């Protein structure tokens, strides 16, 4: 028996292998960095060098843009955390705080709802 069940799935481009789950943390920019906690799943439009410190904290990364050579993919691989990129509408589809599972091998993101 599990504490949650998958309610929706979305797909994107696999950017870094692995699988991780955690609360989605929708981040619009540097002003939101302080809300990110250890084990969160970073959900954002894209990342750039100023965002690199977050990769040492989060369990996984989901972006709305990018590909395998994007900043998010490269830094996620360096940190050994899963990443799925180019997920359409990720910042509106995934709710802040909801549990999500990121499958960086399959390029799939699953949102969960408590049962």
PDB file of N, CA and C in Angstrom:
ATOM      1  N   UNK A   1       0.841  -1.166   0.000  1.00  0.00           N
ATOM      2  CA  UNK A   1       0.000   0.000   0.000  1.00  0.00           C
ATOM      3  C   UNK A   1       0.891   1.236   0.000  1.00  0.00           C
ATOM      4  N   UNK A   2       0.537   2.228  -0.840  1.00  0.00           N
ATOM      5  CA  UNK A   2       1.330   3.441  -0.913  1.00  0.00           C
ATOM      6  C   UNK A   2       0.529   4.610  -0.383  1.00  0.00           C
ATOM      7  N   UNK A   3       1.224   5.706  -0.071  1.00  0.00           N
ATOM      8  CA  UNK A   3       0.567   6.890   0.440  1.00  0.00           C
ATOM      9  C   UNK A   3       0.062   7.818  -0.646  1.00  0.00           C
ATOM     10  N   UNK A   4       0.409   7.545  -1.901  1.00  0.00           N
ATOM     11  CA  UNK A   4      -0.054   8.402  -2.975  1.00  0.00           C
ATOM     12  C   UNK A   4      -0.258   7.585  -4.232  1.00  0.00           C
ATOM     13  N   UNK A   5      -1.066   8.111  -5.150  1.00  0.00           N
ATOM     14  CA  UNK A   5      -1.295   7.443  -6.414  1.00  0.00           C
ATOM     15  C   UNK A   5      -1.092   8.460  -7.521  1.00  0.00           C
ATOM     16  N   UNK A   6      -0.509   7.997  -8.632  1.00  0.00           N
ATOM     17  CA  UNK A   6      -0.255   8.898  -9.745  1.00  0.00           C
ATOM     18  C   UNK A   6      -1.581   9.331 -10.345  1.00  0.00           C
ATOM     19  N   UNK A   7      -1.718  10.611 -10.604  1.00  0.00           N
ATOM     20  CA  UNK A   7      -2.962  11.111 -11.178  1.00  0.00           C
ATOM     21  C   UNK A   7      -2.755  11.712 -12.548  1.00  0.00           C
ATOM     22  N   UNK A   8      -1.552  12.126 -12.878  1.00  0.00           N
ATOM     23  CA  UNK A   8      -1.316  12.657 -14.208  1.00  0.00           C
ATOM     24  C   UNK A   8       0.141  12.449 -14.596  1.00  0.00           C
ATOM     25  N   UNK A   9       0.339  12.325 -15.889  1.00  0.00           N
ATOM     26  CA  UNK A   9       1.685  12.139 -16.418  1.00  0.00           C
ATOM     27  C   UNK A   9       1.898  13.151 -17.535  1.00  0.00           C
ATOM     28  N   UNK A  10       3.104  13.611 -17.647  1.00  0.00           N
ATOM     29  CA  UNK A  10       3.473  14.477 -18.747  1.00  0.00           C
ATOM     30  C   UNK A  10       4.860  14.066 -19.205  1.00  0.00           C
ATOM     31  N   UNK A  11       5.155  14.368 -20.442  1.00  0.00           N
ATOM     32  CA  UNK A  11       6.426  13.917 -21.000  1.00  0.00           C
ATOM     33  C   UNK A  11       7.229  15.085 -21.535  1.00  0.00           C
ATOM     34  N   UNK A  12       8.522  14.866 -21.597  1.00  0.00           N
ATOM     35  CA  UNK A  12       9.442  15.846 -22.145  1.00  0.00           C
ATOM     36  C   UNK A  12      10.664  15.131 -22.674  1.00  0.00           C
ATOM     37  N   UNK A  13      11.763  15.825 -22.714  1.00  0.00           N
ATOM     38  CA  UNK A  13      13.026  15.293 -23.216  1.00  0.00           C
ATOM     39  C   UNK A  13      13.875  14.812 -22.048  1.00  0.00           C
ATOM     40  N   UNK A  14      14.301  13.543 -22.068  1.00  0.00           N
ATOM     41  CA  UNK A  14      15.203  13.082 -21.017  1.00  0.00           C
ATOM     42  C   UNK A  14      16.488  13.907 -21.039  1.00  0.00           C
ATOM     43  N   UNK A  15      16.888  14.428 -19.874  1.00  0.00           N
ATOM     44  CA  UNK A  15      18.079  15.269 -19.823  1.00  0.00           C
ATOM     45  C   UNK A  15      19.177  14.726 -18.943  1.00  0.00           C
ATOM     46  N   UNK A  16      18.785  13.978 -17.914  1.00  0.00           N
ATOM     47  CA  UNK A  16      19.737  13.370 -16.999  1.00  0.00           C
ATOM     48  C   UNK A  16      19.058  12.131 -16.417  1.00  0.00           C
ATOM     49  N   UNK A  17      19.749  10.993 -16.416  1.00  0.00           N
ATOM     50  CA  UNK A  17      19.104   9.744 -16.003  1.00  0.00           C
ATOM     51  C   UNK A  17      18.828   9.668 -14.505  1.00  0.00           C
ATOM     52  N   UNK A  18      17.952   8.743 -14.177  1.00  0.00           N
ATOM     53  CA  UNK A  18      17.607   8.474 -12.788  1.00  0.00           C
ATOM     54  C   UNK A  18      16.153   8.747 -12.529  1.00  0.00           C
ATOM     55  N   UNK A  19      15.754   8.441 -11.296  1.00  0.00           N
ATOM     56  CA  UNK A  19      14.360   8.616 -10.891  1.00  0.00           C
ATOM     57  C   UNK A  19      14.354   9.166  -9.474  1.00  0.00           C
ATOM     58  N   UNK A  20      13.526  10.192  -9.241  1.00  0.00           N
ATOM     59  CA  UNK A  20      13.426  10.779  -7.904  1.00  0.00           C
ATOM     60  C   UNK A  20      12.037  11.358  -7.719  1.00  0.00           C
ATOM     61  N   UNK A  21      11.599  11.388  -6.460  1.00  0.00           N
ATOM     62  CA  UNK A  21      10.309  11.972  -6.107  1.00  0.00           C
ATOM     63  C   UNK A  21      10.508  13.014  -5.019  1.00  0.00           C
ATOM     64  N   UNK A  22       9.611  13.984  -5.008  1.00  0.00           N
ATOM     65  CA  UNK A  22       9.652  15.011  -3.978  1.00  0.00           C
ATOM     66  C   UNK A  22       8.600  16.051  -4.253  1.00  0.00           C
ATOM     67  N   UNK A  23       8.477  17.012  -3.364  1.00  0.00           N
ATOM     68  CA  UNK A  23       7.509  18.086  -3.584  1.00  0.00           C
ATOM     69  C   UNK A  23       7.973  19.013  -4.702  1.00  0.00           C
ATOM     70  N   UNK A  24       7.067  19.343  -5.616  1.00  0.00           N
ATOM     71  CA  UNK A  24       7.385  20.288  -6.693  1.00  0.00           C
ATOM     72  C   UNK A  24       7.602  21.666  -6.086  1.00  0.00           C
ATOM     73  N   UNK A  25       8.643  22.333  -6.524  1.00  0.00           N
ATOM     74  CA  UNK A  25       8.886  23.711  -6.103  1.00  0.00           C
ATOM     75  C   UNK A  25       8.963  24.537  -7.386  1.00  0.00           C
ATOM     76  N   UNK A  26       7.868  25.241  -7.684  1.00  0.00           N
ATOM     77  CA  UNK A  26       7.788  26.062  -8.881  1.00  0.00           C
ATOM     78  C   UNK A  26       8.547  27.362  -8.622  1.00  0.00           C
ATOM     79  N   UNK A  27       9.605  27.570  -9.402  1.00  0.00           N
ATOM     80  CA  UNK A  27      10.499  28.703  -9.198  1.00  0.00           C
ATOM     81  C   UNK A  27      10.486  29.572 -10.460  1.00  0.00           C
ATOM     82  N   UNK A  28      10.091  30.831 -10.281  1.00  0.00           N
ATOM     83  CA  UNK A  28      10.009  31.768 -11.407  1.00  0.00           C
ATOM     84  C   UNK A  28      11.311  32.524 -11.632  1.00  0.00           C
ATOM     85  N   UNK A  29      12.119  32.647 -10.593  1.00  0.00           N
ATOM     86  CA  UNK A  29      13.370  33.377 -10.715  1.00  0.00           C
ATOM     87  C   UNK A  29      14.105  33.424  -9.396  1.00  0.00           C
ATOM     88  N   UNK A  30      15.226  34.142  -9.358  1.00  0.00           N
ATOM     89  CA  UNK A  30      16.055  34.196  -8.146  1.00  0.00           C
ATOM     90  C   UNK A  30      15.315  34.615  -6.881  1.00  0.00           C
ATOM     91  N   UNK A  31      14.267  35.402  -6.997  1.00  0.00           N
ATOM     92  CA  UNK A  31      13.509  35.798  -5.802  1.00  0.00           C
ATOM     93  C   UNK A  31      12.852  34.608  -5.105  1.00  0.00           C
ATOM     94  N   UNK A  32      12.681  33.489  -5.824  1.00  0.00           N
ATOM     95  CA  UNK A  32      12.062  32.282  -5.265  1.00  0.00           C
ATOM     96  C   UNK A  32      13.075  31.288  -4.710  1.00  0.00           C
ATOM     97  N   UNK A  33      14.376  31.524  -4.884  1.00  0.00           N
ATOM     98  CA  UNK A  33      15.398  30.553  -4.485  1.00  0.00           C
ATOM     99  C   UNK A  33      15.305  30.173  -3.011  1.00  0.00           C
ATOM    100  N   UNK A  34      14.961  31.102  -2.152  1.00  0.00           N
ATOM    101  CA  UNK A  34      14.913  30.831  -0.710  1.00  0.00           C
ATOM    102  C   UNK A  34      13.823  29.835  -0.344  1.00  0.00           C
ATOM    103  N   UNK A  35      12.842  29.620  -1.214  1.00  0.00           N
ATOM    104  CA  UNK A  35      11.767  28.659  -0.939  1.00  0.00           C
ATOM    105  C   UNK A  35      12.184  27.225  -1.220  1.00  0.00           C
ATOM    106  N   UNK A  36      13.277  27.029  -1.916  1.00  0.00           N
ATOM    107  CA  UNK A  36      13.721  25.687  -2.314  1.00  0.00           C
ATOM    108  C   UNK A  36      14.356  24.985  -1.125  1.00  0.00           C
ATOM    109  N   UNK A  37      13.881  23.756  -0.864  1.00  0.00           N
ATOM    110  CA  UNK A  37      14.368  22.953   0.259  1.00  0.00           C
ATOM    111  C   UNK A  37      15.003  21.659  -0.249  1.00  0.00           C
ATOM    112  N   UNK A  38      15.789  21.055   0.584  1.00  0.00           N
ATOM    113  CA  UNK A  38      16.415  19.782   0.262  1.00  0.00           C
ATOM    114  C   UNK A  38      15.353  18.756  -0.107  1.00  0.00           C
ATOM    115  N   UNK A  39      15.558  18.081  -1.229  1.00  0.00           N
ATOM    116  CA  UNK A  39      14.624  17.047  -1.670  1.00  0.00           C
ATOM    117  C   UNK A  39      13.507  17.537  -2.562  1.00  0.00           C
ATOM    118  N   UNK A  40      13.396  18.856  -2.764  1.00  0.00           N
ATOM    119  CA  UNK A  40      12.377  19.392  -3.673  1.00  0.00           C
ATOM    120  C   UNK A  40      12.700  19.006  -5.112  1.00  0.00           C
ATOM    121  N   UNK A  41      11.672  19.055  -5.943  1.00  0.00           N
ATOM    122  CA  UNK A  41      11.842  18.921  -7.393  1.00  0.00           C
ATOM    123  C   UNK A  41      11.716  20.325  -7.971  1.00  0.00           C
ATOM    124  N   UNK A  42      12.803  20.829  -8.528  1.00  0.00           N
ATOM    125  CA  UNK A  42      12.819  22.154  -9.122  1.00  0.00           C
ATOM    126  C   UNK A  42      12.006  22.150 -10.411  1.00  0.00           C
ATOM    127  N   UNK A  43      11.004  23.008 -10.484  1.00  0.00           N
ATOM    128  CA  UNK A  43      10.180  23.168 -11.683  1.00  0.00           C
ATOM    129  C   UNK A  43      10.320  24.618 -12.122  1.00  0.00           C
ATOM    130  N   UNK A  44      10.802  24.830 -13.348  1.00  0.00           N
ATOM    131  CA  UNK A  44      11.059  26.190 -13.819  1.00  0.00           C
ATOM    132  C   UNK A  44      11.004  26.248 -15.347  1.00  0.00           C
ATOM    133  N   UNK A  45      11.064  27.455 -15.868  1.00  0.00           N
ATOM    134  CA  UNK A  45      11.056  27.619 -17.326  1.00  0.00           C
ATOM    135  C   UNK A  45      12.402  27.170 -17.905  1.00  0.00           C
ATOM    136  N   UNK A  46      13.497  27.603 -17.314  1.00  0.00           N
ATOM    137  CA  UNK A  46      14.858  27.259 -17.735  1.00  0.00           C
ATOM    138  C   UNK A  46      15.790  27.575 -16.563  1.00  0.00           C
ATOM    139  N   UNK A  47      17.033  27.165 -16.677  1.00  0.00           N
ATOM    140  CA  UNK A  47      18.027  27.554 -15.684  1.00  0.00           C
ATOM    141  C   UNK A  47      19.206  28.216 -16.397  1.00  0.00           C
ATOM    142  N   UNK A  48      19.984  28.951 -15.631  1.00  0.00           N
ATOM    143  CA  UNK A  48      21.213  29.577 -16.118  1.00  0.00           C
ATOM    144  C   UNK A  48      22.215  29.532 -14.972  1.00  0.00           C
ATOM    145  N   UNK A  49      23.453  29.960 -15.179  1.00  0.00           N
ATOM    146  CA  UNK A  49      24.483  29.777 -14.147  1.00  0.00           C
ATOM    147  C   UNK A  49      24.101  30.233 -12.740  1.00  0.00           C
ATOM    148  N   UNK A  50      23.325  31.294 -12.585  1.00  0.00           N
ATOM    149  CA  UNK A  50      22.942  31.751 -11.238  1.00  0.00           C
ATOM    150  C   UNK A  50      22.123  30.703 -10.484  1.00  0.00           C
ATOM    151  N   UNK A  51      21.526  29.761 -11.199  1.00  0.00           N
ATOM    152  CA  UNK A  51      20.683  28.729 -10.597  1.00  0.00           C
ATOM    153  C   UNK A  51      21.478  27.508 -10.131  1.00  0.00           C
ATOM    154  N   UNK A  52      22.751  27.437 -10.466  1.00  0.00           N
ATOM    155  CA  UNK A  52      23.551  26.233 -10.241  1.00  0.00           C
ATOM    156  C   UNK A  52      23.549  25.766  -8.790  1.00  0.00           C
ATOM    157  N   UNK A  53      23.564  26.666  -7.832  1.00  0.00           N
ATOM    158  CA  UNK A  53      23.582  26.267  -6.419  1.00  0.00           C
ATOM    159  C   UNK A  53      22.366  25.428  -6.042  1.00  0.00           C
ATOM    160  N   UNK A  54      21.236  25.625  -6.700  1.00  0.00           N
ATOM    161  CA  UNK A  54      20.024  24.853  -6.389  1.00  0.00           C
ATOM    162  C   UNK A  54      20.193  23.367  -6.708  1.00  0.00           C
ATOM    163  N   UNK A  55      21.046  23.043  -7.659  1.00  0.00           N
ATOM    164  CA  UNK A  55      21.223  21.650  -8.073  1.00  0.00           C
ATOM    165  C   UNK A  55      21.861  20.803  -6.979  1.00  0.00           C
ATOM    166  N   UNK A  56      22.544  21.435  -6.036  1.00  0.00           N
ATOM    167  CA  UNK A  56      23.109  20.710  -4.907  1.00  0.00           C
ATOM    168  C   UNK A  56      22.095  20.426  -3.815  1.00  0.00           C
ATOM    169  N   UNK A  57      20.894  20.960  -3.959  1.00  0.00           N
ATOM    170  CA  UNK A  57      19.843  20.847  -2.950  1.00  0.00           C
ATOM    171  C   UNK A  57      18.684  19.974  -3.422  1.00  0.00           C
ATOM    172  N   UNK A  58      18.288  20.142  -4.678  1.00  0.00           N
ATOM    173  CA  UNK A  58      17.074  19.486  -5.181  1.00  0.00           C
ATOM    174  C   UNK A  58      17.297  18.024  -5.528  1.00  0.00           C
ATOM    175  N   UNK A  59      16.183  17.279  -5.591  1.00  0.00           N
ATOM    176  CA  UNK A  59      16.228  15.864  -5.928  1.00  0.00           C
ATOM    177  C   UNK A  59      16.155  15.634  -7.431  1.00  0.00           C
ATOM    178  N   UNK A  60      15.551  16.588  -8.158  1.00  0.00           N
ATOM    179  CA  UNK A  60      15.373  16.456  -9.603  1.00  0.00           C
ATOM    180  C   UNK A  60      15.009  17.815 -10.185  1.00  0.00           C
ATOM    181  N   UNK A  61      15.024  17.894 -11.509  1.00  0.00           N
ATOM    182  CA  UNK A  61      14.740  19.146 -12.212  1.00  0.00           C
ATOM    183  C   UNK A  61      13.767  18.879 -13.356  1.00  0.00           C
ATOM    184  N   UNK A  62      12.777  19.783 -13.496  1.00  0.00           N
ATOM    185  CA  UNK A  62      11.843  19.766 -14.628  1.00  0.00           C
ATOM    186  C   UNK A  62      11.824  21.176 -15.203  1.00  0.00           C
ATOM    187  N   UNK A  63      12.057  21.299 -16.513  1.00  0.00           N
ATOM    188  CA  UNK A  63      12.012  22.615 -17.146  1.00  0.00           C
ATOM    189  C   UNK A  63      11.002  22.616 -18.286  1.00  0.00           C
ATOM    190  N   UNK A  64      10.532  23.807 -18.631  1.00  0.00           N
ATOM    191  CA  UNK A  64       9.598  23.950 -19.751  1.00  0.00           C
ATOM    192  C   UNK A  64      10.319  24.050 -21.093  1.00  0.00           C
ATOM    193  N   UNK A  65      11.598  24.433 -21.065  1.00  0.00           N
ATOM    194  CA  UNK A  65      12.374  24.568 -22.297  1.00  0.00           C
ATOM    195  C   UNK A  65      13.669  23.791 -22.144  1.00  0.00           C
ATOM    196  N   UNK A  66      14.436  23.724 -23.220  1.00  0.00           N
ATOM    197  CA  UNK A  66      15.761  23.118 -23.148  1.00  0.00           C
ATOM    198  C   UNK A  66      15.848  21.758 -23.790  1.00  0.00           C
ATOM    199  N   UNK A  67      17.061  21.276 -23.854  1.00  0.00           N
ATOM    200  CA  UNK A  67      17.372  19.980 -24.431  1.00  0.00           C
ATOM    201  C   UNK A  67      18.574  19.387 -23.733  1.00  0.00           C
ATOM    202  N   UNK A  68      19.131  18.344 -24.308  1.00  0.00           N
ATOM    203  CA  UNK A  68      20.217  17.619 -23.645  1.00  0.00           C
ATOM    204  C   UNK A  68      21.491  18.445 -23.475  1.00  0.00           C
ATOM    205  N   UNK A  69      21.629  19.525 -24.227  1.00  0.00           N
ATOM    206  CA  UNK A  69      22.807  20.380 -24.086  1.00  0.00           C
ATOM    207  C   UNK A  69      22.510  21.676 -23.340  1.00  0.00           C
ATOM    208  N   UNK A  70      21.329  21.775 -22.753  1.00  0.00           N
ATOM    209  CA  UNK A  70      20.958  22.974 -21.994  1.00  0.00           C
ATOM    210  C   UNK A  70      21.689  22.994 -20.649  1.00  0.00           C
ATOM    211  N   UNK A  71      21.728  24.180 -20.044  1.00  0.00           N
ATOM    212  CA  UNK A  71      22.346  24.336 -18.730  1.00  0.00           C
ATOM    213  C   UNK A  71      21.760  23.344 -17.725  1.00  0.00           C
ATOM    214  N   UNK A  72      20.425  23.240 -17.681  1.00  0.00           N
ATOM    215  CA  UNK A  72      19.770  22.351 -16.708  1.00  0.00           C
ATOM    216  C   UNK A  72      20.217  20.903 -16.879  1.00  0.00           C
ATOM    217  N   UNK A  73      20.284  20.428 -18.112  1.00  0.00           N
ATOM    218  CA  UNK A  73      20.670  19.037 -18.360  1.00  0.00           C
ATOM    219  C   UNK A  73      22.124  18.779 -17.971  1.00  0.00           C
ATOM    220  N   UNK A  74      22.994  19.672 -18.370  1.00  0.00           N
ATOM    221  CA  UNK A  74      24.421  19.482 -18.090  1.00  0.00           C
ATOM    222  C   UNK A  74      24.693  19.496 -16.591  1.00  0.00           C
ATOM    223  N   UNK A  75      24.133  20.471 -15.891  1.00  0.00           N
ATOM    224  CA  UNK A  75      24.392  20.578 -14.447  1.00  0.00           C
ATOM    225  C   UNK A  75      23.711  19.432 -13.689  1.00  0.00           C
ATOM    226  N   UNK A  76      22.524  19.017 -14.125  1.00  0.00           N
ATOM    227  CA  UNK A  76      21.857  17.870 -13.487  1.00  0.00           C
ATOM    228  C   UNK A  76      22.717  16.614 -13.627  1.00  0.00           C
ATOM    229  N   UNK A  77      23.277  16.395 -14.808  1.00  0.00           N
ATOM    230  CA  UNK A  77      24.147  15.220 -14.993  1.00  0.00           C
ATOM    231  C   UNK A  77      25.380  15.320 -14.102  1.00  0.00           C
ATOM    232  N   UNK A  78      25.961  16.524 -13.983  1.00  0.00           N
ATOM    233  CA  UNK A  78      27.134  16.703 -13.112  1.00  0.00           C
ATOM    234  C   UNK A  78      26.809  16.379 -11.659  1.00  0.00           C
ATOM    235  N   UNK A  79      25.579  16.683 -11.242  1.00  0.00           N
ATOM    236  CA  UNK A  79      25.168  16.438  -9.853  1.00  0.00           C
ATOM    237  C   UNK A  79      24.523  15.064  -9.662  1.00  0.00           C
ATOM    238  N   UNK A  80      24.331  14.329 -10.741  1.00  0.00           N
ATOM    239  CA  UNK A  80      23.759  12.990 -10.649  1.00  0.00           C
ATOM    240  C   UNK A  80      22.295  12.976 -10.259  1.00  0.00           C
ATOM    241  N   UNK A  81      21.546  14.017 -10.682  1.00  0.00           N
ATOM    242  CA  UNK A  81      20.115  14.058 -10.386  1.00  0.00           C
ATOM    243  C   UNK A  81      19.315  13.992 -11.684  1.00  0.00           C
ATOM    244  N   UNK A  82      18.136  13.376 -11.641  1.00  0.00           N
ATOM    245  CA  UNK A  82      17.327  13.261 -12.852  1.00  0.00           C
ATOM    246  C   UNK A  82      16.813  14.611 -13.329  1.00  0.00           C
ATOM    247  N   UNK A  83      16.678  14.722 -14.657  1.00  0.00           N
ATOM    248  CA  UNK A  83      16.110  15.933 -15.245  1.00  0.00           C
ATOM    249  C   UNK A  83      15.269  15.566 -16.456  1.00  0.00           C
ATOM    250  N   UNK A  84      14.133  16.234 -16.577  1.00  0.00           N
ATOM    251  CA  UNK A  84      13.282  16.131 -17.759  1.00  0.00           C
ATOM    252  C   UNK A  84      13.056  17.558 -18.241  1.00  0.00           C
ATOM    253  N   UNK A  85      13.324  17.779 -19.520  1.00  0.00           N
ATOM    254  CA  UNK A  85      13.303  19.115 -20.089  1.00  0.00           C
ATOM    255  C   UNK A  85      12.207  19.229 -21.143  1.00  0.00           C
ATOM    256  N   UNK A  86      11.903  20.471 -21.506  1.00  0.00           N
ATOM    257  CA  UNK A  86      10.923  20.761 -22.564  1.00  0.00           C
ATOM    258  C   UNK A  86       9.565  20.126 -22.254  1.00  0.00           C
ATOM    259  N   UNK A  87       9.146  20.245 -21.002  1.00  0.00           N
ATOM    260  CA  UNK A  87       7.834  19.749 -20.576  1.00  0.00           C
ATOM    261  C   UNK A  87       6.834  20.892 -20.759  1.00  0.00           C
ATOM    262  N   UNK A  88       5.942  20.788 -21.735  1.00  0.00           N
ATOM    263  CA  UNK A  88       5.011  21.886 -22.008  1.00  0.00           C
ATOM    264  C   UNK A  88       4.146  22.222 -20.788  1.00  0.00           C
ATOM    265  N   UNK A  89       4.118  23.495 -20.410  1.00  0.00           N
ATOM    266  CA  UNK A  89       3.264  23.952 -19.322  1.00  0.00           C
ATOM    267  C   UNK A  89       3.611  23.425 -17.950  1.00  0.00           C
ATOM    268  N   UNK A  90       4.845  22.977 -17.744  1.00  0.00           N
ATOM    269  CA  UNK A  90       5.222  22.382 -16.454  1.00  0.00           C
ATOM    270  C   UNK A  90       4.941  23.308 -15.278  1.00  0.00           C
ATOM    271  N   UNK A  91       5.165  24.596 -15.456  1.00  0.00           N
ATOM    272  CA  UNK A  91       5.010  25.536 -14.345  1.00  0.00           C
ATOM    273  C   UNK A  91       3.553  25.787 -13.969  1.00  0.00           C
ATOM    274  N   UNK A  92       2.645  25.457 -14.840  1.00  0.00           N
ATOM    275  CA  UNK A  92       1.221  25.607 -14.519  1.00  0.00           C
ATOM    276  C   UNK A  92       0.558  24.259 -14.267  1.00  0.00           C
ATOM    277  N   UNK A  93       1.063  23.211 -14.897  1.00  0.00           N
ATOM    278  CA  UNK A  93       0.489  21.876 -14.720  1.00  0.00           C
ATOM    279  C   UNK A  93       0.857  21.276 -13.370  1.00  0.00           C
ATOM    280  N   UNK A  94       2.105  21.481 -12.956  1.00  0.00           N
ATOM    281  CA  UNK A  94       2.584  20.956 -11.675  1.00  0.00           C
ATOM    282  C   UNK A  94       2.367  22.022 -10.613  1.00  0.00           C
ATOM    283  N   UNK A  95       1.661  21.650  -9.567  1.00  0.00           N
ATOM    284  CA  UNK A  95       1.339  22.606  -8.493  1.00  0.00           C
ATOM    285  C   UNK A  95       2.447  22.627  -7.446  1.00  0.00           C
ATOM    286  N   UNK A  96       2.771  23.809  -6.985  1.00  0.00           N
ATOM    287  CA  UNK A  96       3.790  23.979  -5.962  1.00  0.00           C
ATOM    288  C   UNK A  96       3.428  23.143  -4.735  1.00  0.00           C
ATOM    289  N   UNK A  97       4.352  22.298  -4.293  1.00  0.00           N
ATOM    290  CA  UNK A  97       4.151  21.467  -3.113  1.00  0.00           C
ATOM    291  C   UNK A  97       3.585  20.096  -3.387  1.00  0.00           C
ATOM    292  N   UNK A  98       3.035  19.866  -4.573  1.00  0.00           N
ATOM    293  CA  UNK A  98       2.475  18.538  -4.879  1.00  0.00           C
ATOM    294  C   UNK A  98       3.614  17.564  -5.126  1.00  0.00           C
ATOM    295  N   UNK A  99       3.448  16.324  -4.726  1.00  0.00           N
ATOM    296  CA  UNK A  99       4.481  15.314  -4.917  1.00  0.00           C
ATOM    297  C   UNK A  99       4.540  14.903  -6.382  1.00  0.00           C
ATOM    298  N   UNK A 100       5.761  14.927  -6.927  1.00  0.00           N
ATOM    299  CA  UNK A 100       5.976  14.511  -8.308  1.00  0.00           C
ATOM    300  C   UNK A 100       7.119  13.513  -8.363  1.00  0.00           C
ATOM    301  N   UNK A 101       7.083  12.666  -9.376  1.00  0.00           N
ATOM    302  CA  UNK A 101       8.164  11.733  -9.643  1.00  0.00           C
ATOM    303  C   UNK A 101       8.734  12.063 -11.003  1.00  0.00           C
ATOM    304  N   UNK A 102      10.047  12.222 -11.056  1.00  0.00           N
ATOM    305  CA  UNK A 102      10.742  12.549 -12.287  1.00  0.00           C
ATOM    306  C   UNK A 102      11.520  11.312 -12.738  1.00  0.00           C
ATOM    307  N   UNK A 103      11.237  10.843 -13.946  1.00  0.00           N
ATOM    308  CA  UNK A 103      11.950   9.712 -14.546  1.00  0.00           C
ATOM    309  C   UNK A 103      12.820  10.260 -15.665  1.00  0.00           C
ATOM    310  N   UNK A 104      14.067  10.511 -15.355  1.00  0.00           N
ATOM    311  CA  UNK A 104      14.984  11.098 -16.319  1.00  0.00           C
ATOM    312  C   UNK A 104      15.406  10.157 -17.415  1.00  0.00           C
ATOM    313  N   UNK A 105      15.172   8.857 -17.241  1.00  0.00           N
ATOM    314  CA  UNK A 105      15.484   7.895 -18.301  1.00  0.00           C
ATOM    315  C   UNK A 105      14.405   7.923 -19.381  1.00  0.00           C
ATOM    316  N   UNK A 106      13.147   7.950 -18.963  1.00  0.00           N
ATOM    317  CA  UNK A 106      12.018   7.902 -19.897  1.00  0.00           C
ATOM    318  C   UNK A 106      11.531   9.287 -20.317  1.00  0.00           C
ATOM    319  N   UNK A 107      11.992  10.335 -19.636  1.00  0.00           N
ATOM    320  CA  UNK A 107      11.517  11.676 -19.942  1.00  0.00           C
ATOM    321  C   UNK A 107      10.072  11.880 -19.513  1.00  0.00           C
ATOM    322  N   UNK A 108       9.744  11.351 -18.341  1.00  0.00           N
ATOM    323  CA  UNK A 108       8.366  11.382 -17.861  1.00  0.00           C
ATOM    324  C   UNK A 108       8.279  12.007 -16.468  1.00  0.00           C
ATOM    325  N   UNK A 109       7.239  12.793 -16.247  1.00  0.00           N
ATOM    326  CA  UNK A 109       6.991  13.404 -14.947  1.00  0.00           C
ATOM    327  C   UNK A 109       5.589  13.002 -14.522  1.00  0.00           C
ATOM    328  N   UNK A 110       5.456  12.442 -13.323  1.00  0.00           N
ATOM    329  CA  UNK A 110       4.167  12.004 -12.800  1.00  0.00           C
ATOM    330  C   UNK A 110       3.806  12.839 -11.567  1.00  0.00           C
ATOM    331  N   UNK A 111       2.622  13.388 -11.588  1.00  0.00           N
ATOM    332  CA  UNK A 111       2.119  14.130 -10.423  1.00  0.00           C
ATOM    333  C   UNK A 111       1.280  13.184  -9.584  1.00  0.00           C
ATOM    334  N   UNK A 112       1.357  13.321  -8.276  1.00  0.00           N
ATOM    335  CA  UNK A 112       0.647  12.422  -7.366  1.00  0.00           C
ATOM    336  C   UNK A 112      -0.330  13.187  -6.512  1.00  0.00           C
ATOM    337  N   UNK A 113      -1.357  12.501  -6.135  1.00  0.00           N
ATOM    338  CA  UNK A 113      -2.357  13.068  -5.235  1.00  0.00           C
ATOM    339  C   UNK A 113      -2.460  12.157  -4.024  1.00  0.00           C
ATOM    340  N   UNK A 114      -2.507  12.688  -2.831  1.00  0.00           N
ATOM    341  CA  UNK A 114      -2.637  11.831  -1.645  1.00  0.00           C
ATOM    342  C   UNK A 114      -3.879  10.955  -1.744  1.00  0.00           C
ATOM    343  N   UNK A 115      -3.755   9.704  -1.314  1.00  0.00           N
ATOM    344  CA  UNK A 115      -4.936   8.808  -1.351  1.00  0.00           C
ATOM    345  C   UNK A 115      -5.630   8.742  -0.018  1.00  0.00           C
TER     346      UNK A 115
END
